[in-house]
Amino acid sequence: MHELGVTFTVIKRVEEVARENNVKHICKVTLSLGEVSTVIPEQLIDCWNWAVNNKSEILSNCELVIEPIEAITYCSDCKKEYNTIKYGKICPYCASSHTWLKQGNEFIIKDVTAD
């Protein structure tokens, strides 16, 4: 489960930003998370809830909000976009494998809210 490592990376970065801005407590962190980012939202939330309440004073009882980003693939041959989760690498319009992921693997700290 790499979600625990990801959680500690986010916590470390948010704590750094809080200290740089003389913030004593963060009450909410919003992440933008791609559907194919390899991070499982439910596991990330479980790790987050444990870590912020046991390992971080600045983030104690901090809410984690996850905003999903749909995975979209682009076909270089027919120039169309399609849902990656539903169709995978092969274009459903022309059956080409000349495709690339346009969005959906992001992991972004979008917003941090202080008390």
C-alpha atoms as a PDB file:
ATOM      1  CA  MET A   1       0.000   0.000   0.000  1.00  0.00           C
ATOM      2  CA  HIS A   2       1.811   3.110  -1.208  1.00  0.00           C
ATOM      3  CA  GLU A   3      -1.013   5.362  -0.030  1.00  0.00           C
ATOM      4  CA  LEU A   4       0.677   5.695   3.362  1.00  0.00           C
ATOM      5  CA  GLY A   5       3.858   7.000   1.732  1.00  0.00           C
ATOM      6  CA  VAL A   6       1.821   9.363  -0.424  1.00  0.00           C
ATOM      7  CA  THR A   7      -0.009  10.573   2.676  1.00  0.00           C
ATOM      8  CA  PHE A   8       3.229  11.394   4.474  1.00  0.00           C
ATOM      9  CA  THR A   9       4.545  13.224   1.398  1.00  0.00           C
ATOM     10  CA  VAL A  10       1.421  15.414   1.252  1.00  0.00           C
ATOM     11  CA  ILE A  11       1.509  16.040   4.995  1.00  0.00           C
ATOM     12  CA  LYS A  12       5.181  17.056   4.833  1.00  0.00           C
ATOM     13  CA  ARG A  13       4.534  19.510   1.990  1.00  0.00           C
ATOM     14  CA  VAL A  14       1.434  21.016   3.620  1.00  0.00           C
ATOM     15  CA  GLU A  15       3.262  21.403   6.934  1.00  0.00           C
ATOM     16  CA  GLU A  16       6.125  23.192   5.128  1.00  0.00           C
ATOM     17  CA  VAL A  17       3.679  25.625   3.518  1.00  0.00           C
ATOM     18  CA  ALA A  18       1.946  26.193   6.862  1.00  0.00           C
ATOM     19  CA  ARG A  19       5.242  26.990   8.592  1.00  0.00           C
ATOM     20  CA  GLU A  20       6.342  29.308   5.738  1.00  0.00           C
ATOM     21  CA  ASN A  21       3.090  31.246   6.192  1.00  0.00           C
ATOM     22  CA  ASN A  22       2.998  31.174  10.017  1.00  0.00           C
ATOM     23  CA  VAL A  23      -0.188  29.085  10.011  1.00  0.00           C
ATOM     24  CA  LYS A  24      -0.861  27.202  13.233  1.00  0.00           C
ATOM     25  CA  HIS A  25      -3.572  24.821  11.996  1.00  0.00           C
ATOM     26  CA  ILE A  26      -4.826  23.494   8.667  1.00  0.00           C
ATOM     27  CA  CYS A  27      -8.475  22.384   8.667  1.00  0.00           C
ATOM     28  CA  LYS A  28      -8.884  21.123   5.076  1.00  0.00           C
ATOM     29  CA  VAL A  29      -6.714  19.865   2.221  1.00  0.00           C
ATOM     30  CA  THR A  30      -8.148  19.328  -1.259  1.00  0.00           C
ATOM     31  CA  LEU A  31      -6.440  16.997  -3.720  1.00  0.00           C
ATOM     32  CA  SER A  32      -7.155  16.574  -7.430  1.00  0.00           C
ATOM     33  CA  LEU A  33      -6.682  12.873  -8.141  1.00  0.00           C
ATOM     34  CA  GLY A  34      -6.661  11.225 -11.559  1.00  0.00           C
ATOM     35  CA  GLU A  35      -8.620   8.020 -12.075  1.00  0.00           C
ATOM     36  CA  VAL A  36      -5.481   6.175 -13.205  1.00  0.00           C
ATOM     37  CA  SER A  37      -3.023   7.788 -10.785  1.00  0.00           C
ATOM     38  CA  THR A  38      -2.551   4.401  -9.026  1.00  0.00           C
ATOM     39  CA  VAL A  39      -3.741   5.947  -5.740  1.00  0.00           C
ATOM     40  CA  ILE A  40      -6.864   4.375  -4.251  1.00  0.00           C
ATOM     41  CA  PRO A  41      -8.973   7.205  -2.786  1.00  0.00           C
ATOM     42  CA  GLU A  42     -10.551   5.147   0.016  1.00  0.00           C
ATOM     43  CA  GLN A  43      -7.167   3.873   1.201  1.00  0.00           C
ATOM     44  CA  LEU A  44      -5.683   7.353   0.966  1.00  0.00           C
ATOM     45  CA  ILE A  45      -8.484   8.739   3.156  1.00  0.00           C
ATOM     46  CA  ASP A  46      -7.966   5.962   5.726  1.00  0.00           C
ATOM     47  CA  CYS A  47      -4.221   6.654   5.849  1.00  0.00           C
ATOM     48  CA  TRP A  48      -4.860  10.404   6.019  1.00  0.00           C
ATOM     49  CA  ASN A  49      -7.295  10.149   8.935  1.00  0.00           C
ATOM     50  CA  TRP A  50      -4.861   8.013  10.911  1.00  0.00           C
ATOM     51  CA  ALA A  51      -1.787  10.132  10.130  1.00  0.00           C
ATOM     52  CA  VAL A  52      -3.202  13.600  10.760  1.00  0.00           C
ATOM     53  CA  ASN A  53      -4.579  12.548  14.116  1.00  0.00           C
ATOM     54  CA  ASN A  54      -1.465  10.681  15.257  1.00  0.00           C
ATOM     55  CA  LYS A  55       1.510  12.305  13.551  1.00  0.00           C
ATOM     56  CA  SER A  56       0.769  15.996  12.921  1.00  0.00           C
ATOM     57  CA  GLU A  57      -0.293  18.785  15.264  1.00  0.00           C
ATOM     58  CA  ILE A  58      -0.722  21.297  12.440  1.00  0.00           C
ATOM     59  CA  LEU A  59      -3.112  18.947  10.623  1.00  0.00           C
ATOM     60  CA  SER A  60      -4.941  17.468  13.605  1.00  0.00           C
ATOM     61  CA  ASN A  61      -8.556  16.626  12.597  1.00  0.00           C
ATOM     62  CA  CYS A  62      -7.896  18.011   9.109  1.00  0.00           C
ATOM     63  CA  GLU A  63     -10.432  17.029   6.453  1.00  0.00           C
ATOM     64  CA  LEU A  64      -9.157  15.522   3.204  1.00  0.00           C
ATOM     65  CA  VAL A  65     -11.267  16.248   0.112  1.00  0.00           C
ATOM     66  CA  ILE A  66     -10.552  14.338  -3.082  1.00  0.00           C
ATOM     67  CA  GLU A  67     -11.739  15.734  -6.404  1.00  0.00           C
ATOM     68  CA  PRO A  68     -11.528  13.071  -9.119  1.00  0.00           C
ATOM     69  CA  ILE A  69     -10.106  13.797 -12.554  1.00  0.00           C
ATOM     70  CA  GLU A  70     -11.556  11.630 -15.324  1.00  0.00           C
ATOM     71  CA  ALA A  71      -9.038   9.624 -17.347  1.00  0.00           C
ATOM     72  CA  ILE A  72      -9.195  10.684 -21.002  1.00  0.00           C
ATOM     73  CA  THR A  73      -7.153   9.178 -23.840  1.00  0.00           C
ATOM     74  CA  TYR A  74      -6.442  10.834 -27.190  1.00  0.00           C
ATOM     75  CA  CYS A  75      -6.118   8.916 -30.464  1.00  0.00           C
ATOM     76  CA  SER A  76      -3.400  10.248 -32.775  1.00  0.00           C
ATOM     77  CA  ASP A  77      -4.959   8.539 -35.808  1.00  0.00           C
ATOM     78  CA  CYS A  78      -8.613   9.661 -35.699  1.00  0.00           C
ATOM     79  CA  LYS A  79      -8.007  12.691 -33.435  1.00  0.00           C
ATOM     80  CA  LYS A  80     -10.790  11.737 -31.015  1.00  0.00           C
ATOM     81  CA  GLU A  81     -10.826  11.515 -27.227  1.00  0.00           C
ATOM     82  CA  TYR A  82     -12.418   8.742 -25.204  1.00  0.00           C
ATOM     83  CA  ASN A  83     -12.845   7.432 -21.660  1.00  0.00           C
ATOM     84  CA  THR A  84      -9.705   5.532 -20.705  1.00  0.00           C
ATOM     85  CA  ILE A  85     -11.304   3.425 -17.985  1.00  0.00           C
ATOM     86  CA  LYS A  86     -13.999   2.126 -20.316  1.00  0.00           C
ATOM     87  CA  TYR A  87     -11.865   1.473 -23.414  1.00  0.00           C
ATOM     88  CA  GLY A  88      -8.213   1.239 -22.357  1.00  0.00           C
ATOM     89  CA  LYS A  89      -5.407   1.832 -24.847  1.00  0.00           C
ATOM     90  CA  ILE A  90      -7.261   0.825 -28.032  1.00  0.00           C
ATOM     91  CA  CYS A  91      -9.365   3.580 -29.595  1.00  0.00           C
ATOM     92  CA  PRO A  92     -13.062   2.632 -29.686  1.00  0.00           C
ATOM     93  CA  TYR A  93     -13.590   4.746 -32.820  1.00  0.00           C
ATOM     94  CA  CYS A  94     -10.855   3.456 -35.166  1.00  0.00           C
ATOM     95  CA  ALA A  95      -9.221   0.539 -33.257  1.00  0.00           C
ATOM     96  CA  SER A  96      -5.839   2.254 -33.317  1.00  0.00           C
ATOM     97  CA  SER A  97      -3.247   1.688 -30.636  1.00  0.00           C
ATOM     98  CA  HIS A  98      -1.613   5.053 -31.396  1.00  0.00           C
ATOM     99  CA  THR A  99      -3.104   6.642 -28.315  1.00  0.00           C
ATOM    100  CA  TRP A 100      -1.859   8.547 -25.304  1.00  0.00           C
ATOM    101  CA  LEU A 101      -3.253   9.503 -21.939  1.00  0.00           C
ATOM    102  CA  LYS A 102      -4.328  13.132 -22.048  1.00  0.00           C
ATOM    103  CA  GLN A 103      -5.438  13.406 -18.417  1.00  0.00           C
ATOM    104  CA  GLY A 104      -6.183  11.202 -15.462  1.00  0.00           C
ATOM    105  CA  ASN A 105      -2.849  10.386 -13.821  1.00  0.00           C
ATOM    106  CA  GLU A 106      -2.583  13.656 -11.881  1.00  0.00           C
ATOM    107  CA  PHE A 107      -1.979  13.972  -8.162  1.00  0.00           C
ATOM    108  CA  ILE A 108      -2.215  17.635  -7.217  1.00  0.00           C
ATOM    109  CA  ILE A 109      -2.475  19.450  -3.910  1.00  0.00           C
ATOM    110  CA  LYS A 110      -5.163  21.832  -5.105  1.00  0.00           C
ATOM    111  CA  ASP A 111      -6.101  23.784  -1.994  1.00  0.00           C
ATOM    112  CA  VAL A 112      -5.129  24.162   1.646  1.00  0.00           C
ATOM    113  CA  THR A 113      -7.507  25.852   4.094  1.00  0.00           C
ATOM    114  CA  ALA A 114      -6.348  27.250   7.425  1.00  0.00           C
ATOM    115  CA  ASP A 115      -8.463  28.020  10.476  1.00  0.00           C
END
